[in-house]
PDB file of N, CA and C in Angstrom:
ATOM      1  N   UNK A   1      67.224 101.801  91.683  1.00  0.00           N
ATOM      2  CA  UNK A   1      68.068 102.845  91.137  1.00  0.00           C
ATOM      3  C   UNK A   1      67.426 103.449  89.903  1.00  0.00           C
ATOM      4  N   UNK A   2      66.541 102.727  89.273  1.00  0.00           N
ATOM      5  CA  UNK A   2      65.877 103.221  88.071  1.00  0.00           C
ATOM      6  C   UNK A   2      65.043 104.464  88.377  1.00  0.00           C
ATOM      7  N   UNK A   3      64.411 104.493  89.525  1.00  0.00           N
ATOM      8  CA  UNK A   3      63.603 105.652  89.913  1.00  0.00           C
ATOM      9  C   UNK A   3      64.493 106.883  90.053  1.00  0.00           C
ATOM     10  N   UNK A   4      65.675 106.699  90.668  1.00  0.00           N
ATOM     11  CA  UNK A   4      66.601 107.819  90.835  1.00  0.00           C
ATOM     12  C   UNK A   4      67.050 108.365  89.482  1.00  0.00           C
ATOM     13  N   UNK A   5      67.296 107.490  88.527  1.00  0.00           N
ATOM     14  CA  UNK A   5      67.709 107.931  87.190  1.00  0.00           C
ATOM     15  C   UNK A   5      66.590 108.710  86.510  1.00  0.00           C
ATOM     16  N   UNK A   6      65.351 108.268  86.676  1.00  0.00           N
ATOM     17  CA  UNK A   6      64.219 108.981  86.083  1.00  0.00           C
ATOM     18  C   UNK A   6      64.074 110.373  86.693  1.00  0.00           C
ATOM     19  N   UNK A   7      64.298 110.468  87.998  1.00  0.00           N
ATOM     20  CA  UNK A   7      64.209 111.774  88.657  1.00  0.00           C
ATOM     21  C   UNK A   7      65.297 112.699  88.134  1.00  0.00           C
ATOM     22  N   UNK A   8      66.511 112.162  87.971  1.00  0.00           N
ATOM     23  CA  UNK A   8      67.609 112.983  87.456  1.00  0.00           C
ATOM     24  C   UNK A   8      67.314 113.486  86.053  1.00  0.00           C
ATOM     25  N   UNK A   9      66.743 112.629  85.211  1.00  0.00           N
ATOM     26  CA  UNK A   9      66.412 113.034  83.847  1.00  0.00           C
ATOM     27  C   UNK A   9      65.295 114.075  83.873  1.00  0.00           C
ATOM     28  N   UNK A  10      64.294 113.855  84.707  1.00  0.00           N
ATOM     29  CA  UNK A  10      63.172 114.778  84.778  1.00  0.00           C
ATOM     30  C   UNK A  10      63.624 116.163  85.263  1.00  0.00           C
ATOM     31  N   UNK A  11      64.522 116.204  86.243  1.00  0.00           N
ATOM     32  CA  UNK A  11      64.994 117.471  86.778  1.00  0.00           C
ATOM     33  C   UNK A  11      66.194 118.030  86.021  1.00  0.00           C
ATOM     34  N   UNK A  12      66.654 117.282  85.025  1.00  0.00           N
ATOM     35  CA  UNK A  12      67.812 117.674  84.201  1.00  0.00           C
ATOM     36  C   UNK A  12      69.044 117.939  85.057  1.00  0.00           C
ATOM     37  N   UNK A  13      69.346 116.989  85.944  1.00  0.00           N
ATOM     38  CA  UNK A  13      70.514 117.094  86.809  1.00  0.00           C
ATOM     39  C   UNK A  13      71.601 116.189  86.259  1.00  0.00           C
ATOM     40  N   UNK A  14      72.786 116.748  86.088  1.00  0.00           N
ATOM     41  CA  UNK A  14      73.933 115.981  85.613  1.00  0.00           C
ATOM     42  C   UNK A  14      74.505 115.173  86.779  1.00  0.00           C
ATOM     43  N   UNK A  15      74.544 113.841  86.683  1.00  0.00           N
ATOM     44  CA  UNK A  15      75.061 113.035  87.801  1.00  0.00           C
ATOM     45  C   UNK A  15      76.538 113.291  88.097  1.00  0.00           C
ATOM     46  N   UNK A  16      77.256 113.897  87.174  1.00  0.00           N
ATOM     47  CA  UNK A  16      78.679 114.181  87.391  1.00  0.00           C
ATOM     48  C   UNK A  16      78.905 115.569  87.993  1.00  0.00           C
ATOM     49  N   UNK A  17      77.833 116.303  88.235  1.00  0.00           N
ATOM     50  CA  UNK A  17      77.936 117.631  88.826  1.00  0.00           C
ATOM     51  C   UNK A  17      78.499 117.520  90.238  1.00  0.00           C
ATOM     52  N   UNK A  18      79.428 118.409  90.582  1.00  0.00           N
ATOM     53  CA  UNK A  18      80.087 118.365  91.895  1.00  0.00           C
ATOM     54  C   UNK A  18      79.090 118.591  93.034  1.00  0.00           C
ATOM     55  N   UNK A  19      78.178 119.530  92.852  1.00  0.00           N
ATOM     56  CA  UNK A  19      77.189 119.805  93.884  1.00  0.00           C
ATOM     57  C   UNK A  19      76.278 118.591  94.108  1.00  0.00           C
ATOM     58  N   UNK A  20      75.899 117.934  93.020  1.00  0.00           N
ATOM     59  CA  UNK A  20      75.067 116.731  93.147  1.00  0.00           C
ATOM     60  C   UNK A  20      75.834 115.627  93.862  1.00  0.00           C
ATOM     61  N   UNK A  21      77.121 115.491  93.571  1.00  0.00           N
ATOM     62  CA  UNK A  21      77.933 114.462  94.221  1.00  0.00           C
ATOM     63  C   UNK A  21      78.020 114.714  95.729  1.00  0.00           C
ATOM     64  N   UNK A  22      78.186 115.982  96.124  1.00  0.00           N
ATOM     65  CA  UNK A  22      78.211 116.301  97.553  1.00  0.00           C
ATOM     66  C   UNK A  22      76.858 116.030  98.205  1.00  0.00           C
ATOM     67  N   UNK A  23      75.794 116.412  97.509  1.00  0.00           N
ATOM     68  CA  UNK A  23      74.449 116.181  98.017  1.00  0.00           C
ATOM     69  C   UNK A  23      74.216 114.687  98.237  1.00  0.00           C
ATOM     70  N   UNK A  24      74.663 113.886  97.299  1.00  0.00           N
ATOM     71  CA  UNK A  24      74.488 112.431  97.376  1.00  0.00           C
ATOM     72  C   UNK A  24      75.390 111.829  98.456  1.00  0.00           C
ATOM     73  N   UNK A  25      76.602 112.383  98.621  1.00  0.00           N
ATOM     74  CA  UNK A  25      77.542 111.842  99.603  1.00  0.00           C
ATOM     75  C   UNK A  25      77.044 112.039 101.031  1.00  0.00           C
ATOM     76  N   UNK A  26      76.324 113.132 101.286  1.00  0.00           N
ATOM     77  CA  UNK A  26      75.849 113.415 102.650  1.00  0.00           C
ATOM     78  C   UNK A  26      74.432 112.912 102.901  1.00  0.00           C
ATOM     79  N   UNK A  27      73.913 112.060 102.049  1.00  0.00           N
ATOM     80  CA  UNK A  27      72.567 111.518 102.232  1.00  0.00           C
ATOM     81  C   UNK A  27      72.396 110.792 103.572  1.00  0.00           C
ATOM     82  N   UNK A  28      73.348 109.924 103.986  1.00  0.00           N
ATOM     83  CA  UNK A  28      73.169 109.273 105.295  1.00  0.00           C
ATOM     84  C   UNK A  28      73.096 110.268 106.451  1.00  0.00           C
ATOM     85  N   UNK A  29      73.898 111.328 106.387  1.00  0.00           N
ATOM     86  CA  UNK A  29      73.856 112.336 107.442  1.00  0.00           C
ATOM     87  C   UNK A  29      72.517 113.051 107.464  1.00  0.00           C
ATOM     88  N   UNK A  30      71.981 113.378 106.286  1.00  0.00           N
ATOM     89  CA  UNK A  30      70.698 114.078 106.231  1.00  0.00           C
ATOM     90  C   UNK A  30      69.576 113.181 106.738  1.00  0.00           C
ATOM     91  N   UNK A  31      69.640 111.885 106.452  1.00  0.00           N
ATOM     92  CA  UNK A  31      68.632 110.945 106.960  1.00  0.00           C
ATOM     93  C   UNK A  31      68.735 110.859 108.483  1.00  0.00           C
ATOM     94  N   UNK A  32      69.978 110.753 108.996  1.00  0.00           N
ATOM     95  CA  UNK A  32      70.174 110.704 110.439  1.00  0.00           C
ATOM     96  C   UNK A  32      69.656 111.986 111.105  1.00  0.00           C
ATOM     97  N   UNK A  33      69.958 113.128 110.493  1.00  0.00           N
ATOM     98  CA  UNK A  33      69.528 114.397 111.056  1.00  0.00           C
ATOM     99  C   UNK A  33      68.008 114.491 111.111  1.00  0.00           C
ATOM    100  N   UNK A  34      67.335 114.052 110.060  1.00  0.00           N
ATOM    101  CA  UNK A  34      65.872 114.085 110.044  1.00  0.00           C
ATOM    102  C   UNK A  34      65.300 113.173 111.136  1.00  0.00           C
ATOM    103  N   UNK A  35      65.867 111.963 111.265  1.00  0.00           N
ATOM    104  CA  UNK A  35      65.377 111.042 112.300  1.00  0.00           C
ATOM    105  C   UNK A  35      65.666 111.584 113.699  1.00  0.00           C
ATOM    106  N   UNK A  36      66.835 112.218 113.862  1.00  0.00           N
ATOM    107  CA  UNK A  36      67.189 112.778 115.163  1.00  0.00           C
ATOM    108  C   UNK A  36      66.230 113.888 115.556  1.00  0.00           C
ATOM    109  N   UNK A  37      65.931 114.787 114.626  1.00  0.00           N
ATOM    110  CA  UNK A  37      65.024 115.890 114.930  1.00  0.00           C
ATOM    111  C   UNK A  37      63.610 115.375 115.212  1.00  0.00           C
ATOM    112  N   UNK A  38      63.167 114.360 114.469  1.00  0.00           N
ATOM    113  CA  UNK A  38      61.859 113.765 114.723  1.00  0.00           C
ATOM    114  C   UNK A  38      61.833 113.122 116.106  1.00  0.00           C
ATOM    115  N   UNK A  39      62.893 112.374 116.433  1.00  0.00           N
ATOM    116  CA  UNK A  39      62.978 111.732 117.748  1.00  0.00           C
ATOM    117  C   UNK A  39      63.036 112.746 118.878  1.00  0.00           C
ATOM    118  N   UNK A  40      63.766 113.841 118.656  1.00  0.00           N
ATOM    119  CA  UNK A  40      63.855 114.875 119.689  1.00  0.00           C
ATOM    120  C   UNK A  40      62.495 115.530 119.907  1.00  0.00           C
ATOM    121  N   UNK A  41      61.759 115.746 118.836  1.00  0.00           N
ATOM    122  CA  UNK A  41      60.416 116.318 118.966  1.00  0.00           C
ATOM    123  C   UNK A  41      59.499 115.399 119.756  1.00  0.00           C
ATOM    124  N   UNK A  42      59.558 114.108 119.453  1.00  0.00           N
ATOM    125  CA  UNK A  42      58.745 113.152 120.207  1.00  0.00           C
ATOM    126  C   UNK A  42      59.183 113.113 121.673  1.00  0.00           C
ATOM    127  N   UNK A  43      60.484 113.175 121.873  1.00  0.00           N
ATOM    128  CA  UNK A  43      61.025 113.109 123.228  1.00  0.00           C
ATOM    129  C   UNK A  43      60.465 114.243 124.083  1.00  0.00           C
ATOM    130  N   UNK A  44      60.510 115.456 123.564  1.00  0.00           N
ATOM    131  CA  UNK A  44      60.092 116.597 124.374  1.00  0.00           C
ATOM    132  C   UNK A  44      58.575 116.722 124.479  1.00  0.00           C
ATOM    133  N   UNK A  45      57.830 116.215 123.499  1.00  0.00           N
ATOM    134  CA  UNK A  45      56.379 116.347 123.599  1.00  0.00           C
ATOM    135  C   UNK A  45      55.727 115.172 124.321  1.00  0.00           C
ATOM    136  N   UNK A  46      56.330 113.998 124.232  1.00  0.00           N
ATOM    137  CA  UNK A  46      55.670 112.817 124.784  1.00  0.00           C
ATOM    138  C   UNK A  46      56.319 112.235 126.032  1.00  0.00           C
ATOM    139  N   UNK A  47      57.588 112.582 126.300  1.00  0.00           N
ATOM    140  CA  UNK A  47      58.252 111.941 127.441  1.00  0.00           C
ATOM    141  C   UNK A  47      57.595 112.297 128.764  1.00  0.00           C
ATOM    142  N   UNK A  48      57.281 113.553 128.963  1.00  0.00           N
ATOM    143  CA  UNK A  48      56.706 113.950 130.253  1.00  0.00           C
ATOM    144  C   UNK A  48      55.322 113.336 130.494  1.00  0.00           C
ATOM    145  N   UNK A  49      54.352 113.478 129.557  1.00  0.00           N
ATOM    146  CA  UNK A  49      53.034 112.897 129.852  1.00  0.00           C
ATOM    147  C   UNK A  49      53.033 111.375 129.926  1.00  0.00           C
ATOM    148  N   UNK A  50      53.763 110.718 129.016  1.00  0.00           N
ATOM    149  CA  UNK A  50      53.776 109.251 129.049  1.00  0.00           C
ATOM    150  C   UNK A  50      54.653 108.730 130.173  1.00  0.00           C
ATOM    151  N   UNK A  51      55.779 109.406 130.405  1.00  0.00           N
ATOM    152  CA  UNK A  51      56.673 108.961 131.468  1.00  0.00           C
ATOM    153  C   UNK A  51      56.073 109.137 132.836  1.00  0.00           C
ATOM    154  N   UNK A  52      55.239 110.142 132.979  1.00  0.00           N
ATOM    155  CA  UNK A  52      54.607 110.397 134.267  1.00  0.00           C
ATOM    156  C   UNK A  52      53.695 109.236 134.671  1.00  0.00           C
ATOM    157  N   UNK A  53      53.140 108.549 133.696  1.00  0.00           N
ATOM    158  CA  UNK A  53      52.266 107.414 134.002  1.00  0.00           C
ATOM    159  C   UNK A  53      53.064 106.169 134.367  1.00  0.00           C
ATOM    160  N   UNK A  54      54.326 106.102 133.910  1.00  0.00           N
ATOM    161  CA  UNK A  54      55.149 104.914 134.137  1.00  0.00           C
ATOM    162  C   UNK A  54      56.134 105.125 135.295  1.00  0.00           C
ATOM    163  N   UNK A  55      56.709 106.336 135.366  1.00  0.00           N
ATOM    164  CA  UNK A  55      57.742 106.624 136.369  1.00  0.00           C
ATOM    165  C   UNK A  55      57.295 107.806 137.235  1.00  0.00           C
ATOM    166  N   UNK A  56      57.925 107.965 138.366  1.00  0.00           N
ATOM    167  CA  UNK A  56      57.638 109.162 139.171  1.00  0.00           C
ATOM    168  C   UNK A  56      58.055 110.423 138.416  1.00  0.00           C
ATOM    169  N   UNK A  57      57.384 111.508 138.708  1.00  0.00           N
ATOM    170  CA  UNK A  57      57.606 112.760 137.986  1.00  0.00           C
ATOM    171  C   UNK A  57      59.035 113.263 138.131  1.00  0.00           C
ATOM    172  N   UNK A  58      59.669 113.050 139.277  1.00  0.00           N
ATOM    173  CA  UNK A  58      61.032 113.546 139.469  1.00  0.00           C
ATOM    174  C   UNK A  58      62.024 112.809 138.590  1.00  0.00           C
ATOM    175  N   UNK A  59      61.781 111.522 138.309  1.00  0.00           N
ATOM    176  CA  UNK A  59      62.666 110.773 137.401  1.00  0.00           C
ATOM    177  C   UNK A  59      62.501 111.287 135.973  1.00  0.00           C
ATOM    178  N   UNK A  60      61.268 111.560 135.578  1.00  0.00           N
ATOM    179  CA  UNK A  60      61.024 112.125 134.244  1.00  0.00           C
ATOM    180  C   UNK A  60      61.750 113.465 134.109  1.00  0.00           C
ATOM    181  N   UNK A  61      61.692 114.285 135.133  1.00  0.00           N
ATOM    182  CA  UNK A  61      62.395 115.569 135.110  1.00  0.00           C
ATOM    183  C   UNK A  61      63.895 115.397 134.976  1.00  0.00           C
ATOM    184  N   UNK A  62      64.458 114.425 135.684  1.00  0.00           N
ATOM    185  CA  UNK A  62      65.896 114.160 135.580  1.00  0.00           C
ATOM    186  C   UNK A  62      66.254 113.711 134.167  1.00  0.00           C
ATOM    187  N   UNK A  63      65.437 112.831 133.566  1.00  0.00           N
ATOM    188  CA  UNK A  63      65.716 112.357 132.203  1.00  0.00           C
ATOM    189  C   UNK A  63      65.667 113.499 131.189  1.00  0.00           C
ATOM    190  N   UNK A  64      64.685 114.362 131.312  1.00  0.00           N
ATOM    191  CA  UNK A  64      64.590 115.503 130.394  1.00  0.00           C
ATOM    192  C   UNK A  64      65.781 116.440 130.609  1.00  0.00           C
ATOM    193  N   UNK A  65      66.157 116.640 131.862  1.00  0.00           N
ATOM    194  CA  UNK A  65      67.329 117.473 132.156  1.00  0.00           C
ATOM    195  C   UNK A  65      68.612 116.880 131.593  1.00  0.00           C
ATOM    196  N   UNK A  66      68.770 115.566 131.694  1.00  0.00           N
ATOM    197  CA  UNK A  66      69.946 114.912 131.119  1.00  0.00           C
ATOM    198  C   UNK A  66      69.972 115.048 129.596  1.00  0.00           C
ATOM    199  N   UNK A  67      68.802 114.941 128.981  1.00  0.00           N
ATOM    200  CA  UNK A  67      68.738 115.127 127.527  1.00  0.00           C
ATOM    201  C   UNK A  67      69.150 116.535 127.132  1.00  0.00           C
ATOM    202  N   UNK A  68      68.722 117.508 127.899  1.00  0.00           N
ATOM    203  CA  UNK A  68      69.115 118.898 127.637  1.00  0.00           C
ATOM    204  C   UNK A  68      70.604 119.087 127.873  1.00  0.00           C
ATOM    205  N   UNK A  69      71.150 118.434 128.887  1.00  0.00           N
ATOM    206  CA  UNK A  69      72.575 118.554 129.180  1.00  0.00           C
ATOM    207  C   UNK A  69      73.418 117.944 128.047  1.00  0.00           C
ATOM    208  N   UNK A  70      72.969 116.825 127.504  1.00  0.00           N
ATOM    209  CA  UNK A  70      73.683 116.212 126.367  1.00  0.00           C
ATOM    210  C   UNK A  70      73.664 117.169 125.175  1.00  0.00           C
ATOM    211  N   UNK A  71      72.524 117.803 124.915  1.00  0.00           N
ATOM    212  CA  UNK A  71      72.458 118.779 123.828  1.00  0.00           C
ATOM    213  C   UNK A  71      73.395 119.948 124.087  1.00  0.00           C
ATOM    214  N   UNK A  72      73.492 120.386 125.325  1.00  0.00           N
ATOM    215  CA  UNK A  72      74.377 121.495 125.660  1.00  0.00           C
ATOM    216  C   UNK A  72      75.835 121.108 125.485  1.00  0.00           C
ATOM    217  N   UNK A  73      76.199 119.918 125.941  1.00  0.00           N
ATOM    218  CA  UNK A  73      77.593 119.460 125.847  1.00  0.00           C
ATOM    219  C   UNK A  73      78.029 119.306 124.401  1.00  0.00           C
ATOM    220  N   UNK A  74      77.186 118.669 123.586  1.00  0.00           N
ATOM    221  CA  UNK A  74      77.548 118.423 122.194  1.00  0.00           C
ATOM    222  C   UNK A  74      77.121 119.535 121.247  1.00  0.00           C
ATOM    223  N   UNK A  75      76.607 120.619 121.804  1.00  0.00           N
ATOM    224  CA  UNK A  75      76.211 121.792 121.022  1.00  0.00           C
ATOM    225  C   UNK A  75      75.227 121.421 119.904  1.00  0.00           C
ATOM    226  N   UNK A  76      74.188 120.680 120.268  1.00  0.00           N
ATOM    227  CA  UNK A  76      73.160 120.264 119.331  1.00  0.00           C
ATOM    228  C   UNK A  76      72.036 121.280 119.402  1.00  0.00           C
ATOM    229  N   UNK A  77      71.698 121.930 118.282  1.00  0.00           N
ATOM    230  CA  UNK A  77      70.600 122.901 118.338  1.00  0.00           C
ATOM    231  C   UNK A  77      69.271 122.197 118.598  1.00  0.00           C
ATOM    232  N   UNK A  78      68.447 122.784 119.431  1.00  0.00           N
ATOM    233  CA  UNK A  78      67.164 122.170 119.774  1.00  0.00           C
ATOM    234  C   UNK A  78      66.122 122.437 118.717  1.00  0.00           C
TER     235      UNK A  78
END
Protein backbone atom coordinates (compact mmCIF):
# COMPACT_ATOMS: atom_id res chain seq x y z
CA UNK A 1 0.00 0.00 0.00
CA UNK A 2 2.99 2.27 0.48
CA UNK A 3 3.61 2.37 -3.27
CA UNK A 4 0.01 3.47 -3.87
CA UNK A 5 0.39 6.29 -1.34
CA UNK A 6 3.59 7.48 -3.04
CA UNK A 7 1.83 7.51 -6.41
CA UNK A 8 -1.05 9.53 -4.96
CA UNK A 9 1.37 12.07 -3.48
CA UNK A 10 3.38 12.27 -6.70
CA UNK A 11 0.25 12.83 -8.81
CA UNK A 12 -1.30 15.11 -6.17
CA UNK A 13 -4.51 13.09 -6.01
CA UNK A 14 -6.75 13.53 -2.99
CA UNK A 15 -7.75 10.04 -1.73
CA UNK A 16 -11.10 11.47 -0.59
CA UNK A 17 -11.97 12.71 -4.08
CA UNK A 18 -15.24 11.19 -5.34
CA UNK A 19 -13.85 10.45 -8.80
CA UNK A 20 -10.84 8.68 -7.28
CA UNK A 21 -13.13 6.63 -5.03
CA UNK A 22 -15.17 5.50 -8.06
CA UNK A 23 -12.00 4.71 -9.99
CA UNK A 24 -10.73 2.63 -7.07
CA UNK A 25 -14.11 0.90 -6.53
CA UNK A 26 -14.22 -0.40 -10.12
CA UNK A 27 -10.64 -1.70 -10.12
CA UNK A 28 -11.71 -5.40 -10.08
CA UNK A 29 -13.99 -4.80 -13.06
CA UNK A 30 -11.24 -3.04 -15.01
CA UNK A 31 -8.82 -5.91 -14.27
CA UNK A 32 -11.44 -8.45 -15.38
CA UNK A 33 -12.14 -6.44 -18.53
CA UNK A 34 -8.45 -6.27 -19.44
CA UNK A 35 -8.02 -10.03 -18.91
CA UNK A 36 -11.20 -10.75 -20.88
CA UNK A 37 -10.08 -8.67 -23.85
CA UNK A 38 -6.61 -10.27 -23.77
CA UNK A 39 -8.18 -13.74 -23.61
CA UNK A 40 -10.58 -12.93 -26.43
CA UNK A 41 -7.68 -11.75 -28.59
CA UNK A 42 -5.79 -14.97 -27.94
CA UNK A 43 -8.94 -16.97 -28.58
CA UNK A 44 -9.54 -15.52 -32.03
CA UNK A 45 -5.90 -15.48 -33.14
CA UNK A 46 -4.74 -18.82 -31.76
CA UNK A 47 -7.78 -21.09 -31.49
CA UNK A 48 -8.06 -21.91 -35.18
CA UNK A 49 -4.38 -22.69 -35.94
CA UNK A 50 -3.70 -24.52 -32.67
CA UNK A 51 -7.09 -26.20 -32.52
CA UNK A 52 -6.74 -27.45 -36.05
CA UNK A 53 -3.74 -29.52 -34.97
CA UNK A 54 -5.63 -31.04 -32.02
CA UNK A 55 -9.24 -31.24 -33.25
CA UNK A 56 -10.94 -31.55 -36.62
CA UNK A 57 -11.47 -28.25 -38.38
CA UNK A 58 -15.27 -28.46 -38.17
CA UNK A 59 -15.14 -28.69 -34.35
CA UNK A 60 -12.87 -25.63 -34.22
CA UNK A 61 -15.38 -23.78 -36.41
CA UNK A 62 -18.24 -24.74 -34.10
CA UNK A 63 -16.29 -23.54 -31.03
CA UNK A 64 -15.49 -20.19 -32.65
CA UNK A 65 -19.13 -19.86 -33.71
CA UNK A 66 -20.32 -20.60 -30.17
CA UNK A 67 -17.94 -17.97 -28.82
CA UNK A 68 -19.38 -15.44 -31.26
CA UNK A 69 -22.92 -16.46 -30.30
CA UNK A 70 -22.16 -15.91 -26.60
CA UNK A 71 -20.83 -12.44 -27.45
CA UNK A 72 -23.99 -11.73 -29.44
CA UNK A 73 -26.31 -12.94 -26.68
CA UNK A 74 -24.59 -11.00 -23.91
CA UNK A 75 -23.91 -7.98 -26.13
CA UNK A 76 -20.15 -8.09 -25.55
CA UNK A 77 -18.26 -5.82 -27.95
CA UNK A 78 -15.58 -7.70 -29.87
